[in-house]
Amino acid sequence: MDNNIIQHFANQFQVMQNNIKRQSGYLARQEINTLLNDIKKDATRLEPFGFKVYSQNDEDGIIEEIFKRLNSPNFANTSTLNNQNLNFVEIGVENGLECNSLYLLHKGWKGLWLEGNTRQQKPIEQKFNSLLRSQKLKLGIGIITPNNINQVLQQAAINTQNLDFLSIDIDGNDIYLLDAIEFSPKVICIEYNAKFPSLLNKKPVFNPQNFWKGTDFMGSSLLAISEVAKQKNYVLVATNITGANAFYVRKDLINQNFYKPDDDFYQRIKTLYNPPRYWLTFDHFNNIGHPADFGDYADLQN
């Protein structure tokens, strides 16, 4: 077959793929808006505030809204980028370009990334060299376990007694890290396995060699995580619309801005649970538009 004909069909196929992605994005937006129509009737719900800057789904917006409701001065004015008082720890960041704290770095936070995949060390150090040099960002490479998490943070000189935000996403043993922490951040974001219905208590057997294989064996149910969180005096305040992450606020910080502070524990989980809607991720420019990147920004220089 003539090479020009082959190239023609290849071009046509690419156009067709792009059209399918675009149409999928439109349909995803419609589905999200439909889901949010009812949720918006309750002003305390957080899903309507979700948006993506660098997070996998809409976590960036939900985290921002949580801190607004906690009356954090950093979020009282979204143009404020020089607040040095807020900090985070994120466990499981891959290459750093799709995580829950890169947007926080843009907003003036400081923090620590912990990543178990040693192959990500060099890409992170190259891409985020300016932040690492300025100590706005610290990096730890190695497997984080329930036995070493507190020691690792201590060695990294993280002030865990005044930690604002903790994110855990290691695709399996997340619940065991949560159970092991000996500190109390204001807000916690942790991945849950939404394939399990809201009131089913399920968690994998702890296995230090457990690495995600791309299947739906990837973590604990919302109820299982919420029970551990409750023991540590945390209250579930939201899950995101795709059914990927759960958000908890320390009980002493809960106010009327969050969903029914005095609501029954199980009813809260049942109401705030979102089932797996992973296909909606494709509305968030994973495959459409420009890929995520990071460079030197004027406000983040030394």
C-alpha atoms as a PDB file:
ATOM      1  CA  MET A   1       0.000   0.000   0.000  1.00  0.00           C
ATOM      2  CA  ASP A   2       1.215   3.474  -0.854  1.00  0.00           C
ATOM      3  CA  ASN A   3       2.837   5.288   2.092  1.00  0.00           C
ATOM      4  CA  ASN A   4       0.733   8.403   1.426  1.00  0.00           C
ATOM      5  CA  ILE A   5      -2.441   6.337   1.798  1.00  0.00           C
ATOM      6  CA  ILE A   6      -1.162   4.784   5.011  1.00  0.00           C
ATOM      7  CA  GLN A   7      -0.341   8.239   6.407  1.00  0.00           C
ATOM      8  CA  HIS A   8      -3.773   9.512   5.340  1.00  0.00           C
ATOM      9  CA  PHE A   9      -5.536   6.746   7.260  1.00  0.00           C
ATOM     10  CA  ALA A  10      -3.257   7.303  10.260  1.00  0.00           C
ATOM     11  CA  ASN A  11      -4.155  11.001  10.272  1.00  0.00           C
ATOM     12  CA  GLN A  12      -7.857  10.218   9.981  1.00  0.00           C
ATOM     13  CA  PHE A  13      -7.607   7.737  12.840  1.00  0.00           C
ATOM     14  CA  GLN A  14      -5.911  10.358  15.015  1.00  0.00           C
ATOM     15  CA  VAL A  15      -8.671  12.875  14.227  1.00  0.00           C
ATOM     16  CA  MET A  16     -11.282  10.272  15.148  1.00  0.00           C
ATOM     17  CA  GLN A  17      -9.512   9.530  18.449  1.00  0.00           C
ATOM     18  CA  ASN A  18      -9.364  13.234  19.315  1.00  0.00           C
ATOM     19  CA  ASN A  19     -13.059  13.635  18.550  1.00  0.00           C
ATOM     20  CA  ILE A  20     -13.902  10.668  20.780  1.00  0.00           C
ATOM     21  CA  LYS A  21     -11.843  12.144  23.628  1.00  0.00           C
ATOM     22  CA  ARG A  22     -13.500  15.516  23.164  1.00  0.00           C
ATOM     23  CA  GLN A  23     -16.968  13.983  23.160  1.00  0.00           C
ATOM     24  CA  SER A  24     -16.095  11.923  26.237  1.00  0.00           C
ATOM     25  CA  GLY A  25     -15.070  15.133  27.973  1.00  0.00           C
ATOM     26  CA  TYR A  26     -18.409  16.762  27.142  1.00  0.00           C
ATOM     27  CA  LEU A  27     -20.322  13.725  28.428  1.00  0.00           C
ATOM     28  CA  ALA A  28     -18.234  13.613  31.608  1.00  0.00           C
ATOM     29  CA  ARG A  29     -18.968  17.283  32.295  1.00  0.00           C
ATOM     30  CA  GLN A  30     -22.670  16.653  31.801  1.00  0.00           C
ATOM     31  CA  GLU A  31     -22.562  13.701  34.189  1.00  0.00           C
ATOM     32  CA  ILE A  32     -20.650  15.676  36.813  1.00  0.00           C
ATOM     33  CA  ASN A  33     -23.127  18.563  36.576  1.00  0.00           C
ATOM     34  CA  THR A  34     -26.055  16.164  36.906  1.00  0.00           C
ATOM     35  CA  LEU A  35     -24.517  14.554  39.987  1.00  0.00           C
ATOM     36  CA  LEU A  36     -23.803  17.944  41.535  1.00  0.00           C
ATOM     37  CA  ASN A  37     -27.320  19.286  41.000  1.00  0.00           C
ATOM     38  CA  ASP A  38     -28.638  17.410  44.023  1.00  0.00           C
ATOM     39  CA  ILE A  39     -25.448  17.691  46.075  1.00  0.00           C
ATOM     40  CA  LYS A  40     -25.478  21.501  45.748  1.00  0.00           C
ATOM     41  CA  LYS A  41     -28.750  21.615  47.685  1.00  0.00           C
ATOM     42  CA  ASP A  42     -26.686  21.039  50.815  1.00  0.00           C
ATOM     43  CA  ALA A  43     -24.305  23.993  51.228  1.00  0.00           C
ATOM     44  CA  THR A  44     -22.056  21.983  53.537  1.00  0.00           C
ATOM     45  CA  ARG A  45     -21.091  19.472  50.835  1.00  0.00           C
ATOM     46  CA  LEU A  46     -17.645  19.871  49.313  1.00  0.00           C
ATOM     47  CA  GLU A  47     -17.913  18.102  45.949  1.00  0.00           C
ATOM     48  CA  PRO A  48     -19.159  21.221  44.104  1.00  0.00           C
ATOM     49  CA  PHE A  49     -15.896  23.007  44.929  1.00  0.00           C
ATOM     50  CA  GLY A  50     -13.653  20.390  43.373  1.00  0.00           C
ATOM     51  CA  PHE A  51     -11.252  21.297  40.590  1.00  0.00           C
ATOM     52  CA  LYS A  52      -7.931  20.072  39.245  1.00  0.00           C
ATOM     53  CA  VAL A  53      -4.682  21.989  39.021  1.00  0.00           C
ATOM     54  CA  TYR A  54      -2.197  19.166  39.595  1.00  0.00           C
ATOM     55  CA  SER A  55      -4.277  16.587  41.488  1.00  0.00           C
ATOM     56  CA  GLN A  56      -5.436  13.400  39.807  1.00  0.00           C
ATOM     57  CA  ASN A  57      -9.085  14.391  39.966  1.00  0.00           C
ATOM     58  CA  ASP A  58     -10.744  17.322  41.734  1.00  0.00           C
ATOM     59  CA  GLU A  59      -8.813  17.073  45.005  1.00  0.00           C
ATOM     60  CA  ASP A  60      -7.088  20.469  44.644  1.00  0.00           C
ATOM     61  CA  GLY A  61     -10.383  22.318  44.847  1.00  0.00           C
ATOM     62  CA  ILE A  62     -11.751  20.275  47.752  1.00  0.00           C
ATOM     63  CA  ILE A  63      -8.571  20.765  49.781  1.00  0.00           C
ATOM     64  CA  GLU A  64      -8.706  24.490  49.097  1.00  0.00           C
ATOM     65  CA  GLU A  65     -12.331  24.697  50.208  1.00  0.00           C
ATOM     66  CA  ILE A  66     -11.653  22.721  53.400  1.00  0.00           C
ATOM     67  CA  PHE A  67      -8.996  25.208  54.461  1.00  0.00           C
ATOM     68  CA  LYS A  68     -11.257  28.109  53.591  1.00  0.00           C
ATOM     69  CA  ARG A  69     -13.821  26.639  55.960  1.00  0.00           C
ATOM     70  CA  LEU A  70     -11.189  26.234  58.614  1.00  0.00           C
ATOM     71  CA  ASN A  71     -10.621  30.007  58.291  1.00  0.00           C
ATOM     72  CA  SER A  72      -7.033  29.610  57.142  1.00  0.00           C
ATOM     73  CA  PRO A  73      -5.666  33.053  56.180  1.00  0.00           C
ATOM     74  CA  ASN A  74      -3.857  31.490  53.232  1.00  0.00           C
ATOM     75  CA  PHE A  75      -7.149  30.688  51.568  1.00  0.00           C
ATOM     76  CA  ALA A  76      -9.047  33.788  52.606  1.00  0.00           C
ATOM     77  CA  ASN A  77      -7.513  35.391  49.535  1.00  0.00           C
ATOM     78  CA  THR A  78      -6.514  33.027  46.755  1.00  0.00           C
ATOM     79  CA  SER A  79      -3.981  35.553  45.454  1.00  0.00           C
ATOM     80  CA  THR A  80      -1.912  35.134  48.631  1.00  0.00           C
ATOM     81  CA  LEU A  81       1.175  33.181  47.630  1.00  0.00           C
ATOM     82  CA  ASN A  82       3.716  34.068  50.295  1.00  0.00           C
ATOM     83  CA  ASN A  83       2.328  32.343  53.398  1.00  0.00           C
ATOM     84  CA  GLN A  84       5.181  30.452  55.043  1.00  0.00           C
ATOM     85  CA  ASN A  85       3.156  29.087  57.957  1.00  0.00           C
ATOM     86  CA  LEU A  86       1.278  26.199  56.331  1.00  0.00           C
ATOM     87  CA  ASN A  87       2.870  22.841  55.709  1.00  0.00           C
ATOM     88  CA  PHE A  88       2.133  19.389  54.352  1.00  0.00           C
ATOM     89  CA  VAL A  89       3.395  15.841  54.028  1.00  0.00           C
ATOM     90  CA  GLU A  90       2.394  13.791  51.000  1.00  0.00           C
ATOM     91  CA  ILE A  91       3.161  10.075  50.838  1.00  0.00           C
ATOM     92  CA  GLY A  92       3.054   8.697  47.310  1.00  0.00           C
ATOM     93  CA  VAL A  93       3.669  11.382  44.658  1.00  0.00           C
ATOM     94  CA  GLU A  94       5.189   9.436  41.727  1.00  0.00           C
ATOM     95  CA  ASN A  95       6.968  12.143  39.663  1.00  0.00           C
ATOM     96  CA  GLY A  96       5.264  14.999  41.524  1.00  0.00           C
ATOM     97  CA  LEU A  97       3.264  16.319  38.584  1.00  0.00           C
ATOM     98  CA  GLU A  98      -0.008  14.678  39.622  1.00  0.00           C
ATOM     99  CA  CYS A  99      -0.364  14.900  43.378  1.00  0.00           C
ATOM    100  CA  ASN A 100      -2.320  16.720  46.078  1.00  0.00           C
ATOM    101  CA  SER A 101       0.334  19.192  47.221  1.00  0.00           C
ATOM    102  CA  LEU A 102       2.011  20.751  44.178  1.00  0.00           C
ATOM    103  CA  TYR A 103      -0.800  23.316  44.024  1.00  0.00           C
ATOM    104  CA  LEU A 104      -0.146  24.033  47.717  1.00  0.00           C
ATOM    105  CA  LEU A 105       3.501  24.764  46.896  1.00  0.00           C
ATOM    106  CA  HIS A 106       2.280  27.293  44.351  1.00  0.00           C
ATOM    107  CA  LYS A 107       0.237  28.890  47.133  1.00  0.00           C
ATOM    108  CA  GLY A 108       3.248  29.340  49.397  1.00  0.00           C
ATOM    109  CA  TRP A 109       3.114  26.195  51.514  1.00  0.00           C
ATOM    110  CA  LYS A 110       6.177  24.165  52.479  1.00  0.00           C
ATOM    111  CA  GLY A 111       6.337  20.434  52.801  1.00  0.00           C
ATOM    112  CA  LEU A 112       7.737  16.965  52.338  1.00  0.00           C
ATOM    113  CA  TRP A 113       7.239  14.452  49.558  1.00  0.00           C
ATOM    114  CA  LEU A 114       7.799  10.771  50.321  1.00  0.00           C
ATOM    115  CA  GLU A 115       7.978   8.429  47.338  1.00  0.00           C
ATOM    116  CA  GLY A 116       8.704   4.706  47.410  1.00  0.00           C
ATOM    117  CA  ASN A 117       9.740   4.303  43.786  1.00  0.00           C
ATOM    118  CA  THR A 118      13.468   4.970  43.567  1.00  0.00           C
ATOM    119  CA  ARG A 119      13.168   5.529  39.816  1.00  0.00           C
ATOM    120  CA  GLN A 120      11.250   8.743  40.528  1.00  0.00           C
ATOM    121  CA  GLN A 121      14.075  10.334  42.520  1.00  0.00           C
ATOM    122  CA  LYS A 122      16.039  11.688  39.577  1.00  0.00           C
ATOM    123  CA  PRO A 123      12.995  13.089  37.683  1.00  0.00           C
ATOM    124  CA  ILE A 124      11.766  14.831  40.844  1.00  0.00           C
ATOM    125  CA  GLU A 125      15.179  16.274  41.662  1.00  0.00           C
ATOM    126  CA  GLN A 126      15.567  17.566  38.125  1.00  0.00           C
ATOM    127  CA  LYS A 127      12.073  18.975  37.713  1.00  0.00           C
ATOM    128  CA  PHE A 128      11.751  20.525  41.171  1.00  0.00           C
ATOM    129  CA  ASN A 129      15.355  21.550  41.700  1.00  0.00           C
ATOM    130  CA  SER A 130      14.483  25.158  42.544  1.00  0.00           C
ATOM    131  CA  LEU A 131      12.008  24.150  45.258  1.00  0.00           C
ATOM    132  CA  LEU A 132      14.403  21.606  46.744  1.00  0.00           C
ATOM    133  CA  ARG A 133      17.269  24.115  46.809  1.00  0.00           C
ATOM    134  CA  SER A 134      15.125  26.730  48.532  1.00  0.00           C
ATOM    135  CA  GLN A 135      13.902  24.150  51.080  1.00  0.00           C
ATOM    136  CA  LYS A 136      10.311  24.925  50.230  1.00  0.00           C
ATOM    137  CA  LEU A 137      10.147  21.242  49.374  1.00  0.00           C
ATOM    138  CA  LYS A 138      11.925  18.289  50.962  1.00  0.00           C
ATOM    139  CA  LEU A 139      12.128  14.853  49.370  1.00  0.00           C
ATOM    140  CA  GLY A 140      12.439  11.394  50.873  1.00  0.00           C
ATOM    141  CA  ILE A 141      12.841   8.319  48.686  1.00  0.00           C
ATOM    142  CA  GLY A 142      12.114   4.869  50.094  1.00  0.00           C
ATOM    143  CA  ILE A 143       9.295   2.625  51.225  1.00  0.00           C
ATOM    144  CA  ILE A 144       7.228   4.109  54.041  1.00  0.00           C
ATOM    145  CA  THR A 145       5.819   1.564  56.490  1.00  0.00           C
ATOM    146  CA  PRO A 146       3.866   1.708  59.754  1.00  0.00           C
ATOM    147  CA  ASN A 147       7.150   0.925  61.524  1.00  0.00           C
ATOM    148  CA  ASN A 148       9.152   3.806  60.092  1.00  0.00           C
ATOM    149  CA  ILE A 149       6.703   6.595  59.229  1.00  0.00           C
ATOM    150  CA  ASN A 150       7.084   8.543  62.470  1.00  0.00           C
ATOM    151  CA  GLN A 151      10.859   8.152  62.509  1.00  0.00           C
ATOM    152  CA  VAL A 152      11.155   9.251  58.863  1.00  0.00           C
ATOM    153  CA  LEU A 153       9.228  12.443  59.545  1.00  0.00           C
ATOM    154  CA  GLN A 154      11.294  13.125  62.642  1.00  0.00           C
ATOM    155  CA  GLN A 155      14.525  12.680  60.701  1.00  0.00           C
ATOM    156  CA  ALA A 156      13.200  15.000  57.989  1.00  0.00           C
ATOM    157  CA  ALA A 157      12.766  17.683  60.679  1.00  0.00           C
ATOM    158  CA  ILE A 158       9.034  17.973  59.982  1.00  0.00           C
ATOM    159  CA  ASN A 159       7.109  19.712  62.745  1.00  0.00           C
ATOM    160  CA  THR A 160       4.411  17.067  63.014  1.00  0.00           C
ATOM    161  CA  GLN A 161       2.863  18.761  66.038  1.00  0.00           C
ATOM    162  CA  ASN A 162       1.762  21.626  63.784  1.00  0.00           C
ATOM    163  CA  LEU A 163       1.168  19.797  60.514  1.00  0.00           C
ATOM    164  CA  ASP A 164      -1.649  21.249  58.431  1.00  0.00           C
ATOM    165  CA  PHE A 165      -2.186  18.587  55.776  1.00  0.00           C
ATOM    166  CA  LEU A 166      -1.323  14.923  55.272  1.00  0.00           C
ATOM    167  CA  SER A 167      -2.010  13.029  52.037  1.00  0.00           C
ATOM    168  CA  ILE A 168      -1.628   9.238  51.801  1.00  0.00           C
ATOM    169  CA  ASP A 169      -1.839   7.401  48.489  1.00  0.00           C
ATOM    170  CA  ILE A 170       0.226   4.217  48.323  1.00  0.00           C
ATOM    171  CA  ASP A 171      -2.408   1.958  46.726  1.00  0.00           C
ATOM    172  CA  GLY A 172      -2.758  -0.658  49.433  1.00  0.00           C
ATOM    173  CA  ASN A 173      -1.333  -0.217  52.910  1.00  0.00           C
ATOM    174  CA  ASP A 174      -2.724   3.298  53.347  1.00  0.00           C
ATOM    175  CA  ILE A 175      -4.934   2.367  56.297  1.00  0.00           C
ATOM    176  CA  TYR A 176      -1.972   0.942  58.212  1.00  0.00           C
ATOM    177  CA  LEU A 177       0.011   4.157  57.790  1.00  0.00           C
ATOM    178  CA  LEU A 178      -2.984   6.125  59.045  1.00  0.00           C
ATOM    179  CA  ASP A 179      -3.258   3.855  62.067  1.00  0.00           C
ATOM    180  CA  ALA A 180       0.454   4.190  62.830  1.00  0.00           C
ATOM    181  CA  ILE A 181       0.860   7.981  62.805  1.00  0.00           C
ATOM    182  CA  GLU A 182       1.639   9.493  66.188  1.00  0.00           C
ATOM    183  CA  PHE A 183       0.699  13.037  65.212  1.00  0.00           C
ATOM    184  CA  SER A 184      -2.506  14.861  64.369  1.00  0.00           C
ATOM    185  CA  PRO A 185      -2.541  16.989  61.210  1.00  0.00           C
ATOM    186  CA  LYS A 186      -5.479  19.302  60.748  1.00  0.00           C
ATOM    187  CA  VAL A 187      -6.638  17.637  57.526  1.00  0.00           C
ATOM    188  CA  ILE A 188      -6.031  14.198  56.038  1.00  0.00           C
ATOM    189  CA  CYS A 189      -6.675  13.027  52.488  1.00  0.00           C
ATOM    190  CA  ILE A 190      -6.456   9.278  51.933  1.00  0.00           C
ATOM    191  CA  GLU A 191      -7.353   7.005  49.040  1.00  0.00           C
ATOM    192  CA  TYR A 192     -10.202   4.536  49.577  1.00  0.00           C
ATOM    193  CA  ASN A 193     -11.404   1.603  47.490  1.00  0.00           C
ATOM    194  CA  ALA A 194     -14.825   2.713  46.323  1.00  0.00           C
ATOM    195  CA  LYS A 195     -15.753  -0.635  44.788  1.00  0.00           C
ATOM    196  CA  PHE A 196     -16.887  -1.638  48.279  1.00  0.00           C
ATOM    197  CA  PRO A 197     -20.306  -0.229  49.263  1.00  0.00           C
ATOM    198  CA  SER A 198     -20.291   2.511  51.876  1.00  0.00           C
ATOM    199  CA  LEU A 199     -21.037   0.361  54.929  1.00  0.00           C
ATOM    200  CA  LEU A 200     -18.870  -2.649  54.105  1.00  0.00           C
ATOM    201  CA  ASN A 201     -15.785  -2.930  56.291  1.00  0.00           C
ATOM    202  CA  LYS A 202     -12.890  -4.233  54.196  1.00  0.00           C
ATOM    203  CA  LYS A 203      -9.133  -3.845  54.379  1.00  0.00           C
ATOM    204  CA  PRO A 204      -6.309  -5.885  52.837  1.00  0.00           C
ATOM    205  CA  VAL A 205      -4.030  -7.952  55.053  1.00  0.00           C
ATOM    206  CA  PHE A 206      -0.912  -5.921  55.733  1.00  0.00           C
ATOM    207  CA  ASN A 207       1.855  -6.879  53.344  1.00  0.00           C
ATOM    208  CA  PRO A 208       5.015  -4.739  53.197  1.00  0.00           C
ATOM    209  CA  GLN A 209       5.660  -6.122  49.705  1.00  0.00           C
ATOM    210  CA  ASN A 210       2.240  -5.082  48.450  1.00  0.00           C
ATOM    211  CA  PHE A 211       2.578  -2.945  45.329  1.00  0.00           C
ATOM    212  CA  TRP A 212      -0.363  -1.957  43.165  1.00  0.00           C
ATOM    213  CA  LYS A 213      -0.674  -4.143  40.077  1.00  0.00           C
ATOM    214  CA  GLY A 214      -3.248  -1.988  38.324  1.00  0.00           C
ATOM    215  CA  THR A 215      -6.224  -4.021  39.586  1.00  0.00           C
ATOM    216  CA  ASP A 216      -9.056  -3.142  41.965  1.00  0.00           C
ATOM    217  CA  PHE A 217      -7.156  -4.773  44.827  1.00  0.00           C
ATOM    218  CA  MET A 218      -5.824  -1.455  45.985  1.00  0.00           C
ATOM    219  CA  GLY A 219      -6.877  -0.467  49.457  1.00  0.00           C
ATOM    220  CA  SER A 220      -9.527  -0.308  52.142  1.00  0.00           C
ATOM    221  CA  SER A 221     -13.205   0.555  52.117  1.00  0.00           C
ATOM    222  CA  LEU A 222     -14.459   3.950  53.253  1.00  0.00           C
ATOM    223  CA  LEU A 223     -15.955   2.459  56.417  1.00  0.00           C
ATOM    224  CA  ALA A 224     -12.719   0.710  57.404  1.00  0.00           C
ATOM    225  CA  ILE A 225     -10.679   3.893  56.972  1.00  0.00           C
ATOM    226  CA  SER A 226     -13.303   6.013  58.730  1.00  0.00           C
ATOM    227  CA  GLU A 227     -13.273   3.739  61.769  1.00  0.00           C
ATOM    228  CA  VAL A 228      -9.504   4.145  62.110  1.00  0.00           C
ATOM    229  CA  ALA A 229      -9.871   7.895  61.581  1.00  0.00           C
ATOM    230  CA  LYS A 230     -12.585   8.068  64.239  1.00  0.00           C
ATOM    231  CA  GLN A 231     -10.286   6.385  66.771  1.00  0.00           C
ATOM    232  CA  LYS A 232      -7.806   9.158  66.064  1.00  0.00           C
ATOM    233  CA  ASN A 233     -10.478  11.869  66.512  1.00  0.00           C
ATOM    234  CA  TYR A 234     -11.074  12.655  62.841  1.00  0.00           C
ATOM    235  CA  VAL A 235     -14.379  13.264  61.104  1.00  0.00           C
ATOM    236  CA  LEU A 236     -15.150  12.408  57.488  1.00  0.00           C
ATOM    237  CA  VAL A 237     -16.106  15.624  55.671  1.00  0.00           C
ATOM    238  CA  ALA A 238     -16.119  14.562  52.009  1.00  0.00           C
ATOM    239  CA  THR A 239     -15.183  12.168  49.264  1.00  0.00           C
ATOM    240  CA  ASN A 240     -14.561  13.330  45.740  1.00  0.00           C
ATOM    241  CA  ILE A 241     -16.975  12.790  42.871  1.00  0.00           C
ATOM    242  CA  THR A 242     -14.883  10.063  41.217  1.00  0.00           C
ATOM    243  CA  GLY A 243     -14.826   7.937  44.371  1.00  0.00           C
ATOM    244  CA  ALA A 244     -11.063   8.045  44.792  1.00  0.00           C
ATOM    245  CA  ASN A 245     -10.179   9.976  47.954  1.00  0.00           C
ATOM    246  CA  ALA A 246     -11.695  10.644  51.361  1.00  0.00           C
ATOM    247  CA  PHE A 247     -11.111  13.824  53.377  1.00  0.00           C
ATOM    248  CA  TYR A 248     -11.011  14.035  57.165  1.00  0.00           C
ATOM    249  CA  VAL A 249     -10.796  17.003  59.515  1.00  0.00           C
ATOM    250  CA  ARG A 250      -9.620  16.790  63.106  1.00  0.00           C
ATOM    251  CA  LYS A 251     -12.667  16.705  65.371  1.00  0.00           C
ATOM    252  CA  ASP A 252     -11.717  19.750  67.438  1.00  0.00           C
ATOM    253  CA  LEU A 253     -11.652  21.852  64.252  1.00  0.00           C
ATOM    254  CA  ILE A 254     -15.049  20.792  62.894  1.00  0.00           C
ATOM    255  CA  ASN A 255     -17.531  23.638  62.643  1.00  0.00           C
ATOM    256  CA  GLN A 256     -20.954  24.337  61.151  1.00  0.00           C
ATOM    257  CA  ASN A 257     -19.421  24.771  57.704  1.00  0.00           C
ATOM    258  CA  PHE A 258     -18.994  21.019  57.355  1.00  0.00           C
ATOM    259  CA  TYR A 259     -21.603  18.347  56.818  1.00  0.00           C
ATOM    260  CA  LYS A 260     -23.788  17.806  59.914  1.00  0.00           C
ATOM    261  CA  PRO A 261     -21.165  17.757  62.671  1.00  0.00           C
ATOM    262  CA  ASP A 262     -23.428  15.778  65.025  1.00  0.00           C
ATOM    263  CA  ASP A 263     -24.710  13.312  62.442  1.00  0.00           C
ATOM    264  CA  ASP A 264     -24.696   9.573  63.075  1.00  0.00           C
ATOM    265  CA  PHE A 265     -21.328   7.994  62.175  1.00  0.00           C
ATOM    266  CA  TYR A 266     -22.727   5.418  59.759  1.00  0.00           C
ATOM    267  CA  GLN A 267     -25.231   7.798  58.190  1.00  0.00           C
ATOM    268  CA  ARG A 268     -22.425  10.269  57.540  1.00  0.00           C
ATOM    269  CA  ILE A 269     -20.406   7.610  55.700  1.00  0.00           C
ATOM    270  CA  LYS A 270     -23.447   6.470  53.740  1.00  0.00           C
ATOM    271  CA  THR A 271     -24.257  10.029  52.677  1.00  0.00           C
ATOM    272  CA  LEU A 272     -20.756  11.234  51.859  1.00  0.00           C
ATOM    273  CA  TYR A 273     -19.655   8.068  50.051  1.00  0.00           C
ATOM    274  CA  ASN A 274     -19.137   8.364  46.295  1.00  0.00           C
ATOM    275  CA  PRO A 275     -18.970   5.147  44.240  1.00  0.00           C
ATOM    276  CA  PRO A 276     -16.181   4.523  41.695  1.00  0.00           C
ATOM    277  CA  ARG A 277     -16.607   6.834  38.715  1.00  0.00           C
ATOM    278  CA  TYR A 278     -13.044   6.677  37.435  1.00  0.00           C
ATOM    279  CA  TRP A 279     -14.131   7.437  33.881  1.00  0.00           C
ATOM    280  CA  LEU A 280     -14.856  11.005  34.943  1.00  0.00           C
ATOM    281  CA  THR A 281     -11.111  11.513  35.339  1.00  0.00           C
ATOM    282  CA  PHE A 282     -10.935  11.892  31.571  1.00  0.00           C
ATOM    283  CA  ASP A 283     -12.821  15.156  31.883  1.00  0.00           C
ATOM    284  CA  HIS A 284      -9.835  16.564  33.709  1.00  0.00           C
ATOM    285  CA  PHE A 285      -7.444  16.882  30.771  1.00  0.00           C
ATOM    286  CA  ASN A 286      -5.451  13.688  31.405  1.00  0.00           C
ATOM    287  CA  ASN A 287      -5.569  12.940  27.691  1.00  0.00           C
ATOM    288  CA  ILE A 288      -6.835  16.216  26.279  1.00  0.00           C
ATOM    289  CA  GLY A 289      -4.886  19.450  26.285  1.00  0.00           C
ATOM    290  CA  HIS A 290      -1.347  20.042  27.526  1.00  0.00           C
ATOM    291  CA  PRO A 291       0.414  17.556  29.829  1.00  0.00           C
ATOM    292  CA  ALA A 292       1.318  18.688  33.344  1.00  0.00           C
ATOM    293  CA  ASP A 293       4.746  20.241  33.823  1.00  0.00           C
ATOM    294  CA  PHE A 294       6.673  22.423  36.267  1.00  0.00           C
ATOM    295  CA  GLY A 295       9.364  25.040  35.811  1.00  0.00           C
ATOM    296  CA  ASP A 296      10.792  28.099  37.535  1.00  0.00           C
ATOM    297  CA  TYR A 297       8.063  30.506  38.659  1.00  0.00           C
ATOM    298  CA  ALA A 298       8.978  34.013  39.804  1.00  0.00           C
ATOM    299  CA  ASP A 299       7.158  33.804  43.134  1.00  0.00           C
ATOM    300  CA  LEU A 300       8.790  30.472  44.003  1.00  0.00           C
ATOM    301  CA  GLN A 301      12.378  31.612  43.530  1.00  0.00           C
ATOM    302  CA  ASN A 302      14.746  32.122  46.454  1.00  0.00           C
END
